[in-house]
PDB file of N, CA and C in Angstrom:
ATOM      1  N   UNK A   1       4.204 -23.428  23.484  1.00  0.00           N
ATOM      2  CA  UNK A   1       3.804 -22.494  24.486  1.00  0.00           C
ATOM      3  C   UNK A   1       4.875 -22.497  25.580  1.00  0.00           C
ATOM      4  N   UNK A   2       5.245 -21.302  25.994  1.00  0.00           N
ATOM      5  CA  UNK A   2       6.265 -21.177  27.032  1.00  0.00           C
ATOM      6  C   UNK A   2       5.782 -20.180  28.078  1.00  0.00           C
ATOM      7  N   UNK A   3       6.272 -20.311  29.286  1.00  0.00           N
ATOM      8  CA  UNK A   3       5.886 -19.361  30.316  1.00  0.00           C
ATOM      9  C   UNK A   3       6.541 -19.660  31.642  1.00  0.00           C
ATOM     10  N   UNK A   4       6.066 -18.939  32.670  1.00  0.00           N
ATOM     11  CA  UNK A   4       6.639 -19.087  34.014  1.00  0.00           C
ATOM     12  C   UNK A   4       5.736 -19.882  34.949  1.00  0.00           C
ATOM     13  N   UNK A   5       4.793 -20.571  34.435  1.00  0.00           N
ATOM     14  CA  UNK A   5       3.859 -21.395  35.218  1.00  0.00           C
ATOM     15  C   UNK A   5       3.023 -20.558  36.177  1.00  0.00           C
ATOM     16  N   UNK A   6       2.804 -19.307  35.854  1.00  0.00           N
ATOM     17  CA  UNK A   6       1.921 -18.460  36.650  1.00  0.00           C
ATOM     18  C   UNK A   6       2.427 -18.140  38.042  1.00  0.00           C
ATOM     19  N   UNK A   7       3.742 -18.005  38.221  1.00  0.00           N
ATOM     20  CA  UNK A   7       4.285 -17.696  39.548  1.00  0.00           C
ATOM     21  C   UNK A   7       5.148 -16.438  39.491  1.00  0.00           C
ATOM     22  N   UNK A   8       4.586 -15.275  39.188  1.00  0.00           N
ATOM     23  CA  UNK A   8       5.398 -14.064  39.058  1.00  0.00           C
ATOM     24  C   UNK A   8       6.035 -13.627  40.378  1.00  0.00           C
ATOM     25  N   UNK A   9       5.452 -14.010  41.494  1.00  0.00           N
ATOM     26  CA  UNK A   9       6.042 -13.611  42.776  1.00  0.00           C
ATOM     27  C   UNK A   9       7.299 -14.413  43.107  1.00  0.00           C
ATOM     28  N   UNK A  10       7.500 -15.575  42.460  1.00  0.00           N
ATOM     29  CA  UNK A  10       8.663 -16.410  42.749  1.00  0.00           C
ATOM     30  C   UNK A  10       9.682 -16.445  41.605  1.00  0.00           C
ATOM     31  N   UNK A  11       9.214 -16.415  40.369  1.00  0.00           N
ATOM     32  CA  UNK A  11      10.111 -16.554  39.221  1.00  0.00           C
ATOM     33  C   UNK A  11      10.176 -15.254  38.431  1.00  0.00           C
ATOM     34  N   UNK A  12      11.392 -14.859  38.035  1.00  0.00           N
ATOM     35  CA  UNK A  12      11.533 -13.677  37.206  1.00  0.00           C
ATOM     36  C   UNK A  12      11.918 -14.027  35.771  1.00  0.00           C
ATOM     37  N   UNK A  13      11.985 -15.302  35.441  1.00  0.00           N
ATOM     38  CA  UNK A  13      12.287 -15.745  34.087  1.00  0.00           C
ATOM     39  C   UNK A  13      11.693 -17.131  33.858  1.00  0.00           C
ATOM     40  N   UNK A  14      11.617 -17.487  32.602  1.00  0.00           N
ATOM     41  CA  UNK A  14      11.105 -18.805  32.248  1.00  0.00           C
ATOM     42  C   UNK A  14      12.124 -19.546  31.392  1.00  0.00           C
ATOM     43  N   UNK A  15      12.013 -20.834  31.349  1.00  0.00           N
ATOM     44  CA  UNK A  15      12.929 -21.672  30.580  1.00  0.00           C
ATOM     45  C   UNK A  15      12.106 -22.535  29.625  1.00  0.00           C
ATOM     46  N   UNK A  16      12.558 -22.603  28.383  1.00  0.00           N
ATOM     47  CA  UNK A  16      11.903 -23.458  27.400  1.00  0.00           C
ATOM     48  C   UNK A  16      12.955 -24.382  26.805  1.00  0.00           C
ATOM     49  N   UNK A  17      12.622 -25.617  26.672  1.00  0.00           N
ATOM     50  CA  UNK A  17      13.524 -26.615  26.111  1.00  0.00           C
ATOM     51  C   UNK A  17      12.867 -27.185  24.865  1.00  0.00           C
ATOM     52  N   UNK A  18      13.552 -27.040  23.732  1.00  0.00           N
ATOM     53  CA  UNK A  18      13.008 -27.529  22.464  1.00  0.00           C
ATOM     54  C   UNK A  18      13.883 -28.678  21.996  1.00  0.00           C
ATOM     55  N   UNK A  19      13.291 -29.837  21.847  1.00  0.00           N
ATOM     56  CA  UNK A  19      14.025 -31.020  21.385  1.00  0.00           C
ATOM     57  C   UNK A  19      13.603 -31.330  19.960  1.00  0.00           C
ATOM     58  N   UNK A  20      14.598 -31.326  19.045  1.00  0.00           N
ATOM     59  CA  UNK A  20      14.310 -31.623  17.646  1.00  0.00           C
ATOM     60  C   UNK A  20      15.406 -32.509  17.073  1.00  0.00           C
ATOM     61  N   UNK A  21      15.112 -33.109  15.963  1.00  0.00           N
ATOM     62  CA  UNK A  21      16.139 -33.880  15.261  1.00  0.00           C
ATOM     63  C   UNK A  21      17.141 -32.905  14.646  1.00  0.00           C
ATOM     64  N   UNK A  22      18.357 -33.352  14.464  1.00  0.00           N
ATOM     65  CA  UNK A  22      19.415 -32.490  13.954  1.00  0.00           C
ATOM     66  C   UNK A  22      19.068 -31.918  12.574  1.00  0.00           C
ATOM     67  N   UNK A  23      18.302 -32.651  11.803  1.00  0.00           N
ATOM     68  CA  UNK A  23      17.930 -32.209  10.463  1.00  0.00           C
ATOM     69  C   UNK A  23      17.060 -30.944  10.527  1.00  0.00           C
ATOM     70  N   UNK A  24      16.200 -30.846  11.511  1.00  0.00           N
ATOM     71  CA  UNK A  24      15.273 -29.722  11.619  1.00  0.00           C
ATOM     72  C   UNK A  24      15.804 -28.597  12.508  1.00  0.00           C
ATOM     73  N   UNK A  25      16.984 -28.723  13.034  1.00  0.00           N
ATOM     74  CA  UNK A  25      17.541 -27.736  13.955  1.00  0.00           C
ATOM     75  C   UNK A  25      17.626 -26.351  13.306  1.00  0.00           C
ATOM     76  N   UNK A  26      18.093 -26.279  12.062  1.00  0.00           N
ATOM     77  CA  UNK A  26      18.221 -24.998  11.377  1.00  0.00           C
ATOM     78  C   UNK A  26      16.851 -24.332  11.185  1.00  0.00           C
ATOM     79  N   UNK A  27      15.857 -25.135  10.821  1.00  0.00           N
ATOM     80  CA  UNK A  27      14.510 -24.598  10.620  1.00  0.00           C
ATOM     81  C   UNK A  27      13.976 -23.937  11.888  1.00  0.00           C
ATOM     82  N   UNK A  28      14.128 -24.608  13.021  1.00  0.00           N
ATOM     83  CA  UNK A  28      13.597 -24.064  14.267  1.00  0.00           C
ATOM     84  C   UNK A  28      14.392 -22.866  14.753  1.00  0.00           C
ATOM     85  N   UNK A  29      15.678 -22.820  14.516  1.00  0.00           N
ATOM     86  CA  UNK A  29      16.462 -21.630  14.869  1.00  0.00           C
ATOM     87  C   UNK A  29      16.002 -20.444  14.030  1.00  0.00           C
ATOM     88  N   UNK A  30      15.792 -20.688  12.751  1.00  0.00           N
ATOM     89  CA  UNK A  30      15.298 -19.630  11.874  1.00  0.00           C
ATOM     90  C   UNK A  30      13.911 -19.175  12.332  1.00  0.00           C
ATOM     91  N   UNK A  31      13.076 -20.121  12.699  1.00  0.00           N
ATOM     92  CA  UNK A  31      11.726 -19.828  13.177  1.00  0.00           C
ATOM     93  C   UNK A  31      11.748 -18.961  14.441  1.00  0.00           C
ATOM     94  N   UNK A  32      12.717 -19.187  15.327  1.00  0.00           N
ATOM     95  CA  UNK A  32      12.787 -18.442  16.583  1.00  0.00           C
ATOM     96  C   UNK A  32      13.368 -17.037  16.424  1.00  0.00           C
ATOM     97  N   UNK A  33      14.328 -16.860  15.526  1.00  0.00           N
ATOM     98  CA  UNK A  33      15.065 -15.598  15.485  1.00  0.00           C
ATOM     99  C   UNK A  33      14.712 -14.688  14.319  1.00  0.00           C
ATOM    100  N   UNK A  34      13.951 -15.132  13.371  1.00  0.00           N
ATOM    101  CA  UNK A  34      13.568 -14.295  12.244  1.00  0.00           C
ATOM    102  C   UNK A  34      12.058 -14.070  12.269  1.00  0.00           C
ATOM    103  N   UNK A  35      11.624 -12.925  11.723  1.00  0.00           N
ATOM    104  CA  UNK A  35      10.177 -12.671  11.689  1.00  0.00           C
ATOM    105  C   UNK A  35       9.450 -13.745  10.888  1.00  0.00           C
ATOM    106  N   UNK A  36       8.280 -14.062  11.355  1.00  0.00           N
ATOM    107  CA  UNK A  36       7.485 -15.113  10.733  1.00  0.00           C
ATOM    108  C   UNK A  36       6.202 -14.482  10.191  1.00  0.00           C
ATOM    109  N   UNK A  37       5.904 -14.669   8.907  1.00  0.00           N
ATOM    110  CA  UNK A  37       4.686 -14.051   8.364  1.00  0.00           C
ATOM    111  C   UNK A  37       3.433 -14.699   8.953  1.00  0.00           C
ATOM    112  N   UNK A  38       2.479 -13.863   9.306  1.00  0.00           N
ATOM    113  CA  UNK A  38       1.220 -14.348   9.853  1.00  0.00           C
ATOM    114  C   UNK A  38       0.230 -14.496   8.711  1.00  0.00           C
ATOM    115  N   UNK A  39      -0.363 -15.646   8.604  1.00  0.00           N
ATOM    116  CA  UNK A  39      -1.340 -15.910   7.563  1.00  0.00           C
ATOM    117  C   UNK A  39      -2.703 -16.112   8.198  1.00  0.00           C
ATOM    118  N   UNK A  40      -3.706 -15.657   7.504  1.00  0.00           N
ATOM    119  CA  UNK A  40      -5.062 -15.775   8.018  1.00  0.00           C
ATOM    120  C   UNK A  40      -5.885 -16.692   7.122  1.00  0.00           C
ATOM    121  N   UNK A  41      -6.714 -17.490   7.730  1.00  0.00           N
ATOM    122  CA  UNK A  41      -7.651 -18.315   6.967  1.00  0.00           C
ATOM    123  C   UNK A  41      -8.865 -17.498   6.547  1.00  0.00           C
ATOM    124  N   UNK A  42      -9.052 -16.352   7.185  1.00  0.00           N
ATOM    125  CA  UNK A  42     -10.242 -15.545   6.948  1.00  0.00           C
ATOM    126  C   UNK A  42      -9.850 -14.139   6.496  1.00  0.00           C
ATOM    127  N   UNK A  43      -9.310 -13.982   5.273  1.00  0.00           N
ATOM    128  CA  UNK A  43      -8.881 -12.649   4.847  1.00  0.00           C
ATOM    129  C   UNK A  43     -10.042 -11.679   4.642  1.00  0.00           C
ATOM    130  N   UNK A  44     -11.247 -12.200   4.419  1.00  0.00           N
ATOM    131  CA  UNK A  44     -12.396 -11.328   4.168  1.00  0.00           C
ATOM    132  C   UNK A  44     -13.282 -11.163   5.398  1.00  0.00           C
ATOM    133  N   UNK A  45     -12.791 -11.575   6.555  1.00  0.00           N
ATOM    134  CA  UNK A  45     -13.612 -11.514   7.768  1.00  0.00           C
ATOM    135  C   UNK A  45     -14.015 -10.084   8.110  1.00  0.00           C
ATOM    136  N   UNK A  46     -13.084  -9.141   7.968  1.00  0.00           N
ATOM    137  CA  UNK A  46     -13.398  -7.747   8.284  1.00  0.00           C
ATOM    138  C   UNK A  46     -14.504  -7.228   7.375  1.00  0.00           C
ATOM    139  N   UNK A  47     -14.409  -7.571   6.099  1.00  0.00           N
ATOM    140  CA  UNK A  47     -15.416  -7.136   5.132  1.00  0.00           C
ATOM    141  C   UNK A  47     -16.785  -7.727   5.467  1.00  0.00           C
ATOM    142  N   UNK A  48     -16.839  -9.018   5.762  1.00  0.00           N
ATOM    143  CA  UNK A  48     -18.112  -9.666   6.063  1.00  0.00           C
ATOM    144  C   UNK A  48     -18.704  -9.181   7.385  1.00  0.00           C
ATOM    145  N   UNK A  49     -17.855  -9.002   8.402  1.00  0.00           N
ATOM    146  CA  UNK A  49     -18.382  -8.535   9.683  1.00  0.00           C
ATOM    147  C   UNK A  49     -18.909  -7.110   9.553  1.00  0.00           C
ATOM    148  N   UNK A  50     -18.250  -6.276   8.746  1.00  0.00           N
ATOM    149  CA  UNK A  50     -18.759  -4.924   8.511  1.00  0.00           C
ATOM    150  C   UNK A  50     -20.114  -4.972   7.817  1.00  0.00           C
ATOM    151  N   UNK A  51     -20.262  -5.876   6.872  1.00  0.00           N
ATOM    152  CA  UNK A  51     -21.534  -6.010   6.155  1.00  0.00           C
ATOM    153  C   UNK A  51     -22.654  -6.450   7.098  1.00  0.00           C
ATOM    154  N   UNK A  52     -22.350  -7.363   7.997  1.00  0.00           N
ATOM    155  CA  UNK A  52     -23.360  -7.828   8.959  1.00  0.00           C
ATOM    156  C   UNK A  52     -23.772  -6.691   9.900  1.00  0.00           C
ATOM    157  N   UNK A  53     -22.793  -5.949  10.393  1.00  0.00           N
ATOM    158  CA  UNK A  53     -23.098  -4.826  11.290  1.00  0.00           C
ATOM    159  C   UNK A  53     -23.942  -3.784  10.572  1.00  0.00           C
ATOM    160  N   UNK A  54     -23.585  -3.472   9.315  1.00  0.00           N
ATOM    161  CA  UNK A  54     -24.372  -2.514   8.540  1.00  0.00           C
ATOM    162  C   UNK A  54     -25.799  -3.006   8.344  1.00  0.00           C
ATOM    163  N   UNK A  55     -25.960  -4.296   8.057  1.00  0.00           N
ATOM    164  CA  UNK A  55     -27.301  -4.850   7.858  1.00  0.00           C
ATOM    165  C   UNK A  55     -28.133  -4.743   9.136  1.00  0.00           C
ATOM    166  N   UNK A  56     -27.516  -4.995  10.270  1.00  0.00           N
ATOM    167  CA  UNK A  56     -28.237  -4.894  11.553  1.00  0.00           C
ATOM    168  C   UNK A  56     -28.671  -3.463  11.806  1.00  0.00           C
ATOM    169  N   UNK A  57     -27.754  -2.502  11.604  1.00  0.00           N
ATOM    170  CA  UNK A  57     -28.113  -1.102  11.834  1.00  0.00           C
ATOM    171  C   UNK A  57     -29.167  -0.622  10.846  1.00  0.00           C
ATOM    172  N   UNK A  58     -29.104  -1.121   9.610  1.00  0.00           N
ATOM    173  CA  UNK A  58     -30.107  -0.757   8.619  1.00  0.00           C
ATOM    174  C   UNK A  58     -31.482  -1.269   9.054  1.00  0.00           C
ATOM    175  N   UNK A  59     -31.529  -2.492   9.542  1.00  0.00           N
ATOM    176  CA  UNK A  59     -32.788  -3.059  10.025  1.00  0.00           C
ATOM    177  C   UNK A  59     -33.311  -2.269  11.224  1.00  0.00           C
ATOM    178  N   UNK A  60     -32.412  -1.926  12.150  1.00  0.00           N
ATOM    179  CA  UNK A  60     -32.845  -1.177  13.328  1.00  0.00           C
ATOM    180  C   UNK A  60     -33.352   0.203  12.947  1.00  0.00           C
ATOM    181  N   UNK A  61     -32.709   0.830  11.955  1.00  0.00           N
ATOM    182  CA  UNK A  61     -33.163   2.137  11.500  1.00  0.00           C
ATOM    183  C   UNK A  61     -34.577   2.034  10.945  1.00  0.00           C
ATOM    184  N   UNK A  62     -34.845   1.002  10.142  1.00  0.00           N
ATOM    185  CA  UNK A  62     -36.191   0.803   9.599  1.00  0.00           C
ATOM    186  C   UNK A  62     -37.198   0.575  10.721  1.00  0.00           C
ATOM    187  N   UNK A  63     -36.791  -0.183  11.720  1.00  0.00           N
ATOM    188  CA  UNK A  63     -37.681  -0.451  12.852  1.00  0.00           C
ATOM    189  C   UNK A  63     -37.997   0.829  13.618  1.00  0.00           C
ATOM    190  N   UNK A  64     -37.002   1.667  13.830  1.00  0.00           N
ATOM    191  CA  UNK A  64     -37.215   2.939  14.525  1.00  0.00           C
ATOM    192  C   UNK A  64     -38.159   3.825  13.722  1.00  0.00           C
ATOM    193  N   UNK A  65     -38.000   3.854  12.415  1.00  0.00           N
ATOM    194  CA  UNK A  65     -38.891   4.667  11.580  1.00  0.00           C
ATOM    195  C   UNK A  65     -40.326   4.158  11.630  1.00  0.00           C
ATOM    196  N   UNK A  66     -40.516   2.858  11.664  1.00  0.00           N
ATOM    197  CA  UNK A  66     -41.867   2.290  11.768  1.00  0.00           C
ATOM    198  C   UNK A  66     -42.507   2.681  13.095  1.00  0.00           C
ATOM    199  N   UNK A  67     -41.751   2.573  14.165  1.00  0.00           N
ATOM    200  CA  UNK A  67     -42.276   2.943  15.483  1.00  0.00           C
ATOM    201  C   UNK A  67     -42.590   4.438  15.533  1.00  0.00           C
ATOM    202  N   UNK A  68     -41.712   5.257  14.950  1.00  0.00           N
ATOM    203  CA  UNK A  68     -41.954   6.702  14.937  1.00  0.00           C
ATOM    204  C   UNK A  68     -43.213   7.035  14.133  1.00  0.00           C
ATOM    205  N   UNK A  69     -43.388   6.386  12.985  1.00  0.00           N
ATOM    206  CA  UNK A  69     -44.599   6.614  12.185  1.00  0.00           C
ATOM    207  C   UNK A  69     -45.847   6.211  12.966  1.00  0.00           C
ATOM    208  N   UNK A  70     -45.796   5.053  13.604  1.00  0.00           N
ATOM    209  CA  UNK A  70     -46.948   4.587  14.388  1.00  0.00           C
ATOM    210  C   UNK A  70     -47.257   5.568  15.524  1.00  0.00           C
ATOM    211  N   UNK A  71     -46.214   6.060  16.172  1.00  0.00           N
ATOM    212  CA  UNK A  71     -46.407   7.001  17.276  1.00  0.00           C
ATOM    213  C   UNK A  71     -47.020   8.298  16.763  1.00  0.00           C
ATOM    214  N   UNK A  72     -46.566   8.767  15.609  1.00  0.00           N
ATOM    215  CA  UNK A  72     -47.110   9.996  15.035  1.00  0.00           C
ATOM    216  C   UNK A  72     -48.572   9.803  14.653  1.00  0.00           C
ATOM    217  N   UNK A  73     -48.893   8.687  14.046  1.00  0.00           N
ATOM    218  CA  UNK A  73     -50.284   8.410  13.668  1.00  0.00           C
ATOM    219  C   UNK A  73     -51.161   8.334  14.913  1.00  0.00           C
ATOM    220  N   UNK A  74     -50.680   7.665  15.937  1.00  0.00           N
ATOM    221  CA  UNK A  74     -51.438   7.566  17.185  1.00  0.00           C
ATOM    222  C   UNK A  74     -51.635   8.942  17.813  1.00  0.00           C
ATOM    223  N   UNK A  75     -50.636   9.793  17.769  1.00  0.00           N
ATOM    224  CA  UNK A  75     -50.728  11.149  18.325  1.00  0.00           C
ATOM    225  C   UNK A  75     -51.777  11.970  17.571  1.00  0.00           C
ATOM    226  N   UNK A  76     -51.754  11.871  16.237  1.00  0.00           N
ATOM    227  CA  UNK A  76     -52.722  12.627  15.425  1.00  0.00           C
ATOM    228  C   UNK A  76     -54.136  12.136  15.710  1.00  0.00           C
ATOM    229  N   UNK A  77     -54.339  10.833  15.805  1.00  0.00           N
ATOM    230  CA  UNK A  77     -55.678  10.290  16.090  1.00  0.00           C
ATOM    231  C   UNK A  77     -56.158  10.716  17.471  1.00  0.00           C
ATOM    232  N   UNK A  78     -55.277  10.718  18.454  1.00  0.00           N
ATOM    233  CA  UNK A  78     -55.694  11.127  19.804  1.00  0.00           C
ATOM    234  C   UNK A  78     -55.973  12.624  19.866  1.00  0.00           C
ATOM    235  N   UNK A  79     -55.274  13.392  19.078  1.00  0.00           N
ATOM    236  CA  UNK A  79     -55.493  14.829  19.070  1.00  0.00           C
ATOM    237  C   UNK A  79     -56.868  15.172  18.464  1.00  0.00           C
ATOM    238  N   UNK A  80     -57.257  14.386  17.442  1.00  0.00           N
ATOM    239  CA  UNK A  80     -58.549  14.620  16.807  1.00  0.00           C
ATOM    240  C   UNK A  80     -59.710  14.227  17.702  1.00  0.00           C
ATOM    241  N   UNK A  81     -59.546  13.110  18.440  1.00  0.00           N
ATOM    242  CA  UNK A  81     -60.631  12.607  19.284  1.00  0.00           C
ATOM    243  C   UNK A  81     -60.060  12.235  20.632  1.00  0.00           C
ATOM    244  N   UNK A  82     -59.846  13.178  21.531  1.00  0.00           N
ATOM    245  CA  UNK A  82     -59.204  12.888  22.812  1.00  0.00           C
ATOM    246  C   UNK A  82     -60.046  12.043  23.754  1.00  0.00           C
ATOM    247  N   UNK A  83     -61.339  11.896  23.530  1.00  0.00           N
ATOM    248  CA  UNK A  83     -62.181  11.144  24.471  1.00  0.00           C
ATOM    249  C   UNK A  83     -62.051   9.630  24.303  1.00  0.00           C
ATOM    250  N   UNK A  84     -61.561   9.159  23.175  1.00  0.00           N
ATOM    251  CA  UNK A  84     -61.526   7.711  22.979  1.00  0.00           C
ATOM    252  C   UNK A  84     -60.162   7.135  23.195  1.00  0.00           C
TER     253      UNK A  84
END
């Protein structure tokens, strides 16, 4: 991790010092100047999160339909016998 220590009003640049053994020097230079592939531990996360969201909306849709049916039944019963 590198940065300016959160002082943008005083510093306009940051300094990073990397100390490595001479054997690993080439590896770290390559790591700094060449693109590095990003790997994910969760390649199916998007698929699973979409499935969870769909399941929630499906459940909510069923719940809304149940409430709508109950409301319609209650309306019909009150229309038939408004005194009770």
